[in-house]
Each structure stands twice: as C-alpha cells, then as structure tokens.
Amino acid sequence: MRQHIQSLGEVFGHVARVYAWTSWLLRHTDDELHAHDAWFHLAQVVGAYAELIEDVTAGRVRLPFGWCEGRGLDPESAR
C-alpha cells in the first residue's frame, strides 16, 4: 500500500484554498480565460481528490496521521 504525503486535514485545506481562490477570482475578473482556467484548476483538484478517496476506500493508499493524531497527544495541550 502506498503512503500519501498529505493528511486528511491537509487535503481538505488544499481543496478549500483552491475553492476560495477560484470564488474570489470569479467575482473580481472580467477575463473569461482566467475564469475558465480557475474553474478548470478547481475541477482538476476536486477530481484528483475524488480519485484519492476511492484509493483510500479500496485500501490502495494510506493517509498519514496529522501532527497530533495517533501519538497520544491531546491537541488542547499542544497549544
């Protein structure tokens, strides 16, 4: 089984950043090419992570633990 380099939180964070960037760009540009490129990039990211979910579910890929996960650390005490 291969190991993915991003934790689940990092995956969600990346998708959220690309979505926010795309949303901002679409509200602030009149350039149709930039708008198309932004939508296309978001679609690529979402598609890639949909494939990642399929691979994790099928047991072909394992996501790493986050910084505190699995180490017996209380996230509240790590602040």
PDB file of N, CA and C in Angstrom:
ATOM      1  N   MET A   1       0.848  -1.170   0.000  1.00  0.00           N
ATOM      2  CA  MET A   1       0.000   0.000   0.000  1.00  0.00           C
ATOM      3  C   MET A   1       0.896   1.237   0.000  1.00  0.00           C
ATOM      4  N   ARG A   2       0.574   2.149  -0.868  1.00  0.00           N
ATOM      5  CA  ARG A   2       1.403   3.362  -0.915  1.00  0.00           C
ATOM      6  C   ARG A   2       0.912   4.390   0.104  1.00  0.00           C
ATOM      7  N   GLN A   3       1.831   5.209   0.535  1.00  0.00           N
ATOM      8  CA  GLN A   3       1.564   6.247   1.535  1.00  0.00           C
ATOM      9  C   GLN A   3       1.387   7.582   0.825  1.00  0.00           C
ATOM     10  N   HIS A   4       0.278   8.263   1.075  1.00  0.00           N
ATOM     11  CA  HIS A   4       0.070   9.594   0.521  1.00  0.00           C
ATOM     12  C   HIS A   4       0.822  10.595   1.391  1.00  0.00           C
ATOM     13  N   ILE A   5       1.231  11.721   0.825  1.00  0.00           N
ATOM     14  CA  ILE A   5       2.061  12.665   1.575  1.00  0.00           C
ATOM     15  C   ILE A   5       1.259  13.654   2.409  1.00  0.00           C
ATOM     16  N   GLN A   6      -0.049  13.799   2.140  1.00  0.00           N
ATOM     17  CA  GLN A   6      -0.863  14.764   2.872  1.00  0.00           C
ATOM     18  C   GLN A   6      -1.818  14.062   3.826  1.00  0.00           C
ATOM     19  N   SER A   7      -2.004  14.651   5.005  1.00  0.00           N
ATOM     20  CA  SER A   7      -3.009  14.136   5.933  1.00  0.00           C
ATOM     21  C   SER A   7      -4.392  14.553   5.428  1.00  0.00           C
ATOM     22  N   LEU A   8      -5.428  13.998   6.019  1.00  0.00           N
ATOM     23  CA  LEU A   8      -6.784  14.349   5.612  1.00  0.00           C
ATOM     24  C   LEU A   8      -7.045  15.841   5.791  1.00  0.00           C
ATOM     25  N   GLY A   9      -6.557  16.417   6.874  1.00  0.00           N
ATOM     26  CA  GLY A   9      -6.727  17.854   7.092  1.00  0.00           C
ATOM     27  C   GLY A   9      -6.030  18.686   6.030  1.00  0.00           C
ATOM     28  N   GLU A  10      -4.841  18.259   5.607  1.00  0.00           N
ATOM     29  CA  GLU A  10      -4.124  18.979   4.549  1.00  0.00           C
ATOM     30  C   GLU A  10      -4.865  18.879   3.226  1.00  0.00           C
ATOM     31  N   VAL A  11      -5.471  17.727   2.956  1.00  0.00           N
ATOM     32  CA  VAL A  11      -6.255  17.547   1.736  1.00  0.00           C
ATOM     33  C   VAL A  11      -7.438  18.513   1.732  1.00  0.00           C
ATOM     34  N   PHE A  12      -8.198  18.530   2.848  1.00  0.00           N
ATOM     35  CA  PHE A  12      -9.335  19.448   2.936  1.00  0.00           C
ATOM     36  C   PHE A  12      -8.883  20.897   2.814  1.00  0.00           C
ATOM     37  N   GLY A  13      -7.768  21.226   3.454  1.00  0.00           N
ATOM     38  CA  GLY A  13      -7.246  22.588   3.390  1.00  0.00           C
ATOM     39  C   GLY A  13      -6.895  23.006   1.979  1.00  0.00           C
ATOM     40  N   HIS A  14      -6.290  22.110   1.223  1.00  0.00           N
ATOM     41  CA  HIS A  14      -5.901  22.419  -0.146  1.00  0.00           C
ATOM     42  C   HIS A  14      -7.130  22.652  -1.014  1.00  0.00           C
ATOM     43  N   VAL A  15      -8.117  21.776  -0.918  1.00  0.00           N
ATOM     44  CA  VAL A  15      -9.344  21.948  -1.694  1.00  0.00           C
ATOM     45  C   VAL A  15     -10.026  23.264  -1.309  1.00  0.00           C
ATOM     46  N   ALA A  16     -10.070  23.578  -0.027  1.00  0.00           N
ATOM     47  CA  ALA A  16     -10.695  24.822   0.433  1.00  0.00           C
ATOM     48  C   ALA A  16      -9.967  26.051  -0.103  1.00  0.00           C
ATOM     49  N   ARG A  17      -8.622  26.014  -0.097  1.00  0.00           N
ATOM     50  CA  ARG A  17      -7.852  27.156  -0.618  1.00  0.00           C
ATOM     51  C   ARG A  17      -8.109  27.366  -2.108  1.00  0.00           C
ATOM     52  N   VAL A  18      -8.122  26.272  -2.874  1.00  0.00           N
ATOM     53  CA  VAL A  18      -8.361  26.403  -4.318  1.00  0.00           C
ATOM     54  C   VAL A  18      -9.782  26.891  -4.574  1.00  0.00           C
ATOM     55  N   TYR A  19     -10.752  26.390  -3.818  1.00  0.00           N
ATOM     56  CA  TYR A  19     -12.134  26.858  -3.961  1.00  0.00           C
ATOM     57  C   TYR A  19     -12.239  28.350  -3.636  1.00  0.00           C
ATOM     58  N   ALA A  20     -11.626  28.774  -2.539  1.00  0.00           N
ATOM     59  CA  ALA A  20     -11.687  30.185  -2.142  1.00  0.00           C
ATOM     60  C   ALA A  20     -11.029  31.072  -3.194  1.00  0.00           C
ATOM     61  N   TRP A  21      -9.887  30.645  -3.697  1.00  0.00           N
ATOM     62  CA  TRP A  21      -9.186  31.414  -4.732  1.00  0.00           C
ATOM     63  C   TRP A  21     -10.048  31.520  -5.992  1.00  0.00           C
ATOM     64  N   THR A  22     -10.648  30.400  -6.399  1.00  0.00           N
ATOM     65  CA  THR A  22     -11.500  30.391  -7.596  1.00  0.00           C
ATOM     66  C   THR A  22     -12.709  31.294  -7.398  1.00  0.00           C
ATOM     67  N   SER A  23     -13.343  31.182  -6.251  1.00  0.00           N
ATOM     68  CA  SER A  23     -14.510  32.002  -5.952  1.00  0.00           C
ATOM     69  C   SER A  23     -14.164  33.485  -5.982  1.00  0.00           C
ATOM     70  N   TRP A  24     -13.043  33.859  -5.355  1.00  0.00           N
ATOM     71  CA  TRP A  24     -12.613  35.255  -5.350  1.00  0.00           C
ATOM     72  C   TRP A  24     -12.347  35.734  -6.774  1.00  0.00           C
ATOM     73  N   LEU A  25     -11.614  34.928  -7.544  1.00  0.00           N
ATOM     74  CA  LEU A  25     -11.259  35.325  -8.904  1.00  0.00           C
ATOM     75  C   LEU A  25     -12.503  35.527  -9.758  1.00  0.00           C
ATOM     76  N   LEU A  26     -13.478  34.644  -9.636  1.00  0.00           N
ATOM     77  CA  LEU A  26     -14.684  34.766 -10.457  1.00  0.00           C
ATOM     78  C   LEU A  26     -15.480  36.019 -10.128  1.00  0.00           C
ATOM     79  N   ARG A  27     -15.396  36.490  -8.904  1.00  0.00           N
ATOM     80  CA  ARG A  27     -16.094  37.721  -8.523  1.00  0.00           C
ATOM     81  C   ARG A  27     -15.325  38.979  -8.927  1.00  0.00           C
ATOM     82  N   HIS A  28     -14.035  38.842  -9.209  1.00  0.00           N
ATOM     83  CA  HIS A  28     -13.203  40.027  -9.425  1.00  0.00           C
ATOM     84  C   HIS A  28     -12.540  40.112 -10.807  1.00  0.00           C
ATOM     85  N   THR A  29     -12.955  39.276 -11.727  1.00  0.00           N
ATOM     86  CA  THR A  29     -12.351  39.373 -13.057  1.00  0.00           C
ATOM     87  C   THR A  29     -13.434  39.366 -14.132  1.00  0.00           C
ATOM     88  N   ASP A  30     -13.134  40.061 -15.205  1.00  0.00           N
ATOM     89  CA  ASP A  30     -13.985  40.017 -16.388  1.00  0.00           C
ATOM     90  C   ASP A  30     -13.324  39.201 -17.493  1.00  0.00           C
ATOM     91  N   ASP A  31     -12.140  38.708 -17.217  1.00  0.00           N
ATOM     92  CA  ASP A  31     -11.374  37.945 -18.197  1.00  0.00           C
ATOM     93  C   ASP A  31     -11.898  36.507 -18.254  1.00  0.00           C
ATOM     94  N   GLU A  32     -12.533  36.167 -19.350  1.00  0.00           N
ATOM     95  CA  GLU A  32     -13.133  34.840 -19.491  1.00  0.00           C
ATOM     96  C   GLU A  32     -12.088  33.725 -19.471  1.00  0.00           C
ATOM     97  N   LEU A  33     -10.910  33.998 -20.000  1.00  0.00           N
ATOM     98  CA  LEU A  33      -9.860  32.976 -19.992  1.00  0.00           C
ATOM     99  C   LEU A  33      -9.411  32.674 -18.566  1.00  0.00           C
ATOM    100  N   HIS A  34      -9.220  33.717 -17.751  1.00  0.00           N
ATOM    101  CA  HIS A  34      -8.841  33.493 -16.352  1.00  0.00           C
ATOM    102  C   HIS A  34      -9.941  32.743 -15.612  1.00  0.00           C
ATOM    103  N   ALA A  35     -11.191  33.108 -15.866  1.00  0.00           N
ATOM    104  CA  ALA A  35     -12.314  32.421 -15.220  1.00  0.00           C
ATOM    105  C   ALA A  35     -12.342  30.947 -15.618  1.00  0.00           C
ATOM    106  N   HIS A  36     -12.152  30.679 -16.889  1.00  0.00           N
ATOM    107  CA  HIS A  36     -12.133  29.287 -17.357  1.00  0.00           C
ATOM    108  C   HIS A  36     -10.982  28.516 -16.715  1.00  0.00           C
ATOM    109  N   ASP A  37      -9.802  29.127 -16.702  1.00  0.00           N
ATOM    110  CA  ASP A  37      -8.639  28.466 -16.103  1.00  0.00           C
ATOM    111  C   ASP A  37      -8.870  28.171 -14.617  1.00  0.00           C
ATOM    112  N   ALA A  38      -9.505  29.090 -13.909  1.00  0.00           N
ATOM    113  CA  ALA A  38      -9.771  28.883 -12.486  1.00  0.00           C
ATOM    114  C   ALA A  38     -10.733  27.725 -12.280  1.00  0.00           C
ATOM    115  N   TRP A  39     -11.831  27.697 -13.041  1.00  0.00           N
ATOM    116  CA  TRP A  39     -12.776  26.582 -12.941  1.00  0.00           C
ATOM    117  C   TRP A  39     -12.104  25.267 -13.295  1.00  0.00           C
ATOM    118  N   PHE A  40     -11.288  25.278 -14.339  1.00  0.00           N
ATOM    119  CA  PHE A  40     -10.596  24.062 -14.781  1.00  0.00           C
ATOM    120  C   PHE A  40      -9.656  23.553 -13.684  1.00  0.00           C
ATOM    121  N   HIS A  41      -8.912  24.454 -13.061  1.00  0.00           N
ATOM    122  CA  HIS A  41      -7.986  24.060 -11.991  1.00  0.00           C
ATOM    123  C   HIS A  41      -8.754  23.480 -10.806  1.00  0.00           C
ATOM    124  N   LEU A  42      -9.853  24.114 -10.411  1.00  0.00           N
ATOM    125  CA  LEU A  42     -10.669  23.591  -9.318  1.00  0.00           C
ATOM    126  C   LEU A  42     -11.200  22.201  -9.668  1.00  0.00           C
ATOM    127  N   ALA A  43     -11.659  22.020 -10.887  1.00  0.00           N
ATOM    128  CA  ALA A  43     -12.167  20.708 -11.309  1.00  0.00           C
ATOM    129  C   ALA A  43     -11.068  19.647 -11.256  1.00  0.00           C
ATOM    130  N   GLN A  44      -9.853  20.012 -11.647  1.00  0.00           N
ATOM    131  CA  GLN A  44      -8.729  19.070 -11.578  1.00  0.00           C
ATOM    132  C   GLN A  44      -8.443  18.665 -10.134  1.00  0.00           C
ATOM    133  N   VAL A  45      -8.427  19.630  -9.232  1.00  0.00           N
ATOM    134  CA  VAL A  45      -8.141  19.350  -7.816  1.00  0.00           C
ATOM    135  C   VAL A  45      -9.223  18.458  -7.227  1.00  0.00           C
ATOM    136  N   VAL A  46     -10.479  18.806  -7.468  1.00  0.00           N
ATOM    137  CA  VAL A  46     -11.584  18.009  -6.932  1.00  0.00           C
ATOM    138  C   VAL A  46     -11.556  16.597  -7.521  1.00  0.00           C
ATOM    139  N   GLY A  47     -11.288  16.482  -8.802  1.00  0.00           N
ATOM    140  CA  GLY A  47     -11.207  15.165  -9.435  1.00  0.00           C
ATOM    141  C   GLY A  47     -10.077  14.321  -8.882  1.00  0.00           C
ATOM    142  N   ALA A  48      -8.931  14.942  -8.667  1.00  0.00           N
ATOM    143  CA  ALA A  48      -7.783  14.207  -8.124  1.00  0.00           C
ATOM    144  C   ALA A  48      -8.069  13.713  -6.712  1.00  0.00           C
ATOM    145  N   TYR A  49      -8.705  14.544  -5.909  1.00  0.00           N
ATOM    146  CA  TYR A  49      -9.011  14.117  -4.548  1.00  0.00           C
ATOM    147  C   TYR A  49     -10.161  13.125  -4.504  1.00  0.00           C
ATOM    148  N   ALA A  50     -11.070  13.152  -5.483  1.00  0.00           N
ATOM    149  CA  ALA A  50     -12.108  12.125  -5.576  1.00  0.00           C
ATOM    150  C   ALA A  50     -11.446  10.766  -5.857  1.00  0.00           C
ATOM    151  N   GLU A  51     -10.439  10.764  -6.734  1.00  0.00           N
ATOM    152  CA  GLU A  51      -9.690   9.526  -7.000  1.00  0.00           C
ATOM    153  C   GLU A  51      -8.937   9.069  -5.755  1.00  0.00           C
ATOM    154  N   LEU A  52      -8.391  10.011  -5.004  1.00  0.00           N
ATOM    155  CA  LEU A  52      -7.689   9.672  -3.773  1.00  0.00           C
ATOM    156  C   LEU A  52      -8.636   9.003  -2.779  1.00  0.00           C
ATOM    157  N   ILE A  53      -9.854   9.526  -2.660  1.00  0.00           N
ATOM    158  CA  ILE A  53     -10.837   8.925  -1.758  1.00  0.00           C
ATOM    159  C   ILE A  53     -11.142   7.497  -2.185  1.00  0.00           C
ATOM    160  N   GLU A  54     -11.296   7.275  -3.487  1.00  0.00           N
ATOM    161  CA  GLU A  54     -11.528   5.920  -3.993  1.00  0.00           C
ATOM    162  C   GLU A  54     -10.366   5.004  -3.627  1.00  0.00           C
ATOM    163  N   ASP A  55      -9.139   5.488  -3.780  1.00  0.00           N
ATOM    164  CA  ASP A  55      -7.962   4.676  -3.465  1.00  0.00           C
ATOM    165  C   ASP A  55      -7.858   4.381  -1.972  1.00  0.00           C
ATOM    166  N   VAL A  56      -8.168   5.363  -1.132  1.00  0.00           N
ATOM    167  CA  VAL A  56      -8.133   5.145   0.321  1.00  0.00           C
ATOM    168  C   VAL A  56      -9.198   4.128   0.709  1.00  0.00           C
ATOM    169  N   THR A  57     -10.401   4.295   0.174  1.00  0.00           N
ATOM    170  CA  THR A  57     -11.507   3.382   0.473  1.00  0.00           C
ATOM    171  C   THR A  57     -11.190   1.959   0.030  1.00  0.00           C
ATOM    172  N   ALA A  58     -10.525   1.819  -1.098  1.00  0.00           N
ATOM    173  CA  ALA A  58     -10.180   0.492  -1.630  1.00  0.00           C
ATOM    174  C   ALA A  58      -8.941  -0.100  -0.951  1.00  0.00           C
ATOM    175  N   GLY A  59      -8.273   0.682  -0.095  1.00  0.00           N
ATOM    176  CA  GLY A  59      -7.096   0.174   0.601  1.00  0.00           C
ATOM    177  C   GLY A  59      -5.809   0.222  -0.209  1.00  0.00           C
ATOM    178  N   ARG A  60      -5.794   1.013  -1.279  1.00  0.00           N
ATOM    179  CA  ARG A  60      -4.584   1.137  -2.101  1.00  0.00           C
ATOM    180  C   ARG A  60      -3.652   2.242  -1.611  1.00  0.00           C
ATOM    181  N   VAL A  61      -4.203   3.180  -0.837  1.00  0.00           N
ATOM    182  CA  VAL A  61      -3.437   4.338  -0.347  1.00  0.00           C
ATOM    183  C   VAL A  61      -3.751   4.533   1.129  1.00  0.00           C
ATOM    184  N   ARG A  62      -2.725   4.908   1.873  1.00  0.00           N
ATOM    185  CA  ARG A  62      -2.896   5.231   3.290  1.00  0.00           C
ATOM    186  C   ARG A  62      -2.512   6.685   3.490  1.00  0.00           C
ATOM    187  N   LEU A  63      -3.358   7.408   4.233  1.00  0.00           N
ATOM    188  CA  LEU A  63      -3.045   8.800   4.562  1.00  0.00           C
ATOM    189  C   LEU A  63      -2.241   8.827   5.855  1.00  0.00           C
ATOM    190  N   PRO A  64      -1.282   9.745   5.961  1.00  0.00           N
ATOM    191  CA  PRO A  64      -0.518   9.837   7.206  1.00  0.00           C
ATOM    192  C   PRO A  64      -1.365  10.436   8.315  1.00  0.00           C
ATOM    193  N   PHE A  65      -0.942  10.198   9.549  1.00  0.00           N
ATOM    194  CA  PHE A  65      -1.575  10.852  10.680  1.00  0.00           C
ATOM    195  C   PHE A  65      -1.262  12.335  10.622  1.00  0.00           C
ATOM    196  N   GLY A  66      -2.138  13.149  11.174  1.00  0.00           N
ATOM    197  CA  GLY A  66      -1.839  14.563  11.335  1.00  0.00           C
ATOM    198  C   GLY A  66      -0.791  14.714  12.429  1.00  0.00           C
ATOM    199  N   TRP A  67      -0.453  15.929  12.772  1.00  0.00           N
ATOM    200  CA  TRP A  67       0.636  16.172  13.726  1.00  0.00           C
ATOM    201  C   TRP A  67       0.389  15.524  15.074  1.00  0.00           C
ATOM    202  N   CYS A  68      -0.829  15.619  15.606  1.00  0.00           N
ATOM    203  CA  CYS A  68      -1.127  15.078  16.935  1.00  0.00           C
ATOM    204  C   CYS A  68      -1.813  13.717  16.886  1.00  0.00           C
ATOM    205  N   GLU A  69      -2.362  13.351  15.761  1.00  0.00           N
ATOM    206  CA  GLU A  69      -3.130  12.124  15.672  1.00  0.00           C
ATOM    207  C   GLU A  69      -2.240  10.902  15.881  1.00  0.00           C
ATOM    208  N   GLY A  70      -2.755   9.953  16.616  1.00  0.00           N
ATOM    209  CA  GLY A  70      -2.078   8.676  16.740  1.00  0.00           C
ATOM    210  C   GLY A  70      -0.855   8.693  17.621  1.00  0.00           C
ATOM    211  N   ARG A  71      -0.547   9.801  18.267  1.00  0.00           N
ATOM    212  CA  ARG A  71       0.649   9.867  19.092  1.00  0.00           C
ATOM    213  C   ARG A  71       0.295  10.009  20.573  1.00  0.00           C
ATOM    214  N   GLY A  72      -0.981   9.895  20.896  1.00  0.00           N
ATOM    215  CA  GLY A  72      -1.400  10.015  22.275  1.00  0.00           C
ATOM    216  C   GLY A  72      -1.317  11.435  22.811  1.00  0.00           C
ATOM    217  N   LEU A  73      -1.237  12.406  21.917  1.00  0.00           N
ATOM    218  CA  LEU A  73      -1.158  13.797  22.352  1.00  0.00           C
ATOM    219  C   LEU A  73      -2.539  14.411  22.360  1.00  0.00           C
ATOM    220  N   ASP A  74      -2.809  15.193  23.326  1.00  0.00           N
ATOM    221  CA  ASP A  74      -4.057  15.930  23.405  1.00  0.00           C
ATOM    222  C   ASP A  74      -3.855  17.242  22.636  1.00  0.00           C
ATOM    223  N   PRO A  75      -4.611  17.460  21.542  1.00  0.00           N
ATOM    224  CA  PRO A  75      -4.418  18.690  20.769  1.00  0.00           C
ATOM    225  C   PRO A  75      -4.550  19.964  21.613  1.00  0.00           C
ATOM    226  N   GLU A  76      -5.362  19.929  22.650  1.00  0.00           N
ATOM    227  CA  GLU A  76      -5.533  21.101  23.511  1.00  0.00           C
ATOM    228  C   GLU A  76      -4.239  21.415  24.272  1.00  0.00           C
ATOM    229  N   SER A  77      -3.525  20.376  24.683  1.00  0.00           N
ATOM    230  CA  SER A  77      -2.305  20.610  25.451  1.00  0.00           C
ATOM    231  C   SER A  77      -1.114  20.974  24.554  1.00  0.00           C
ATOM    232  N   ALA A  78      -1.261  20.808  23.251  1.00  0.00           N
ATOM    233  CA  ALA A  78      -0.165  21.103  22.318  1.00  0.00           C
ATOM    234  C   ALA A  78      -0.092  22.576  21.971  1.00  0.00           C
ATOM    235  N   ARG A  79      -1.019  23.364  22.475  1.00  0.00           N
ATOM    236  CA  ARG A  79      -1.024  24.812  22.144  1.00  0.00           C
ATOM    237  C   ARG A  79      -0.004  25.560  22.890  1.00  0.00           C
TER     238      ARG A  79
END
